[in-house]
Protein backbone atom coordinates (compact mmCIF):
# COMPACT_ATOMS: atom_id res chain seq x y z
CA UNK A 1 99.85 68.57 76.95
CA UNK A 2 101.63 68.68 80.32
CA UNK A 3 103.63 71.71 79.23
CA UNK A 4 100.47 73.49 78.14
CA UNK A 5 98.80 72.85 81.53
CA UNK A 6 101.93 74.00 83.33
CA UNK A 7 102.00 77.16 81.22
CA UNK A 8 98.31 77.86 81.90
CA UNK A 9 98.80 77.41 85.67
CA UNK A 10 101.89 79.64 85.61
CA UNK A 11 100.04 82.40 83.73
CA UNK A 12 97.02 82.10 86.03
CA UNK A 13 99.18 82.47 89.15
CA UNK A 14 100.90 85.48 87.61
CA UNK A 15 97.61 87.18 86.73
CA UNK A 16 96.17 86.57 90.20
CA UNK A 17 99.35 87.88 91.83
CA UNK A 18 99.19 91.03 89.71
CA UNK A 19 95.49 91.56 90.47
CA UNK A 20 95.94 91.09 94.25
CA UNK A 21 98.99 93.34 94.70
CA UNK A 22 98.52 96.53 96.67
CA UNK A 23 95.48 95.25 98.54
CA UNK A 24 95.28 95.46 102.31
CA UNK A 25 93.75 92.99 104.73
CA UNK A 26 91.07 95.26 106.19
CA UNK A 27 90.81 97.78 103.37
CA UNK A 28 92.69 100.61 105.08
CA UNK A 29 95.67 102.35 103.59
CA UNK A 30 96.74 104.13 106.81
CA UNK A 31 99.28 102.37 109.02
CA UNK A 32 98.41 101.75 112.66
CA UNK A 33 101.94 102.94 113.51
CA UNK A 34 100.97 106.55 112.78
CA UNK A 35 98.96 106.69 116.04
CA UNK A 36 101.10 104.36 118.19
CA UNK A 37 103.13 105.55 121.18
CA UNK A 38 105.98 103.12 120.36
CA UNK A 39 106.48 104.43 116.83
CA UNK A 40 109.21 106.79 115.69
CA UNK A 41 107.99 108.56 112.55
CA UNK A 42 110.28 110.67 110.39
CA UNK A 43 108.76 112.59 107.48
CA UNK A 44 110.74 114.06 104.61
CA UNK A 45 110.17 117.23 102.63
CA UNK A 46 109.01 115.30 99.55
CA UNK A 47 106.36 113.27 101.36
CA UNK A 48 108.49 110.23 102.18
CA UNK A 49 108.03 108.51 105.56
CA UNK A 50 110.40 106.46 107.69
CA UNK A 51 108.65 104.46 110.42
CA UNK A 52 110.46 102.55 113.15
CA UNK A 53 109.21 100.77 116.26
CA UNK A 54 110.97 100.81 119.63
CA UNK A 55 108.62 98.43 121.47
CA UNK A 56 110.62 96.07 123.66
CA UNK A 57 113.98 97.73 123.28
CA UNK A 58 115.83 98.20 119.99
CA UNK A 59 114.67 100.30 117.05
CA UNK A 60 113.24 98.19 114.19
CA UNK A 61 112.25 99.53 110.78
CA UNK A 62 108.64 98.91 109.67
CA UNK A 63 108.51 98.64 105.87
CA UNK A 64 104.82 97.85 105.38
CA UNK A 65 101.35 99.14 106.29
CA UNK A 66 100.44 97.71 109.71
CA UNK A 67 96.76 96.91 110.29
CA UNK A 68 97.08 94.98 113.58
CA UNK A 69 99.77 94.92 116.27
CA UNK A 70 99.87 93.24 119.69
CA UNK A 71 102.13 95.97 121.08
CA UNK A 72 99.92 98.87 119.98
CA UNK A 73 99.31 101.64 122.54
CA UNK A 74 97.44 104.84 121.80
CA UNK A 75 99.64 107.94 121.62
CA UNK A 76 98.76 110.46 124.32
CA UNK A 77 96.93 107.99 126.53
CA UNK A 78 98.09 107.84 130.14
CA UNK A 79 100.29 104.83 130.82
CA UNK A 80 99.96 102.74 133.94
CA UNK A 81 103.10 101.97 135.90
CA UNK A 82 103.18 98.32 136.81
CA UNK A 83 105.31 96.82 139.56
CA UNK A 84 106.15 93.18 139.04
CA UNK A 85 106.90 91.47 142.32
CA UNK A 86 110.21 89.71 142.48
CA UNK A 87 111.90 92.09 140.05
CA UNK A 88 112.00 95.22 142.20
CA UNK A 89 115.09 96.01 144.26
CA UNK A 90 114.70 95.17 147.92
CA UNK A 91 114.51 98.03 150.37
CA UNK A 92 117.80 98.75 152.05
CA UNK A 93 117.93 98.59 155.80
CA UNK A 94 118.97 101.72 157.65
CA UNK A 95 121.63 101.17 160.27
CA UNK A 96 122.53 103.39 163.19
CA UNK A 97 125.70 105.32 162.78
CA UNK A 98 128.50 104.18 165.06
CA UNK A 99 131.36 106.38 166.03
CA UNK A 100 134.71 104.57 165.99
CA UNK A 101 137.27 106.02 168.40
């Protein structure tokens, strides 16, 4: 009896996994990376796509359809330059030139 219940549970989990595959969280099939300024998108001649993200430094491969990203920035939108105090180089002082004889 225990084996039968275990078999039924195993089959049920397998069927649910098969039925849920390929579904997205919000119903979209288009990756958010396709319109992101931090994305590097390479398209092949046979329709294949290679997507990588360079947000925060190194280049990381993205192997799934992204529906939400905290580092997303719209491609083509003007970026603001931000100065963080304490991390900018201090201004150099200008000294008078002295002639040594």
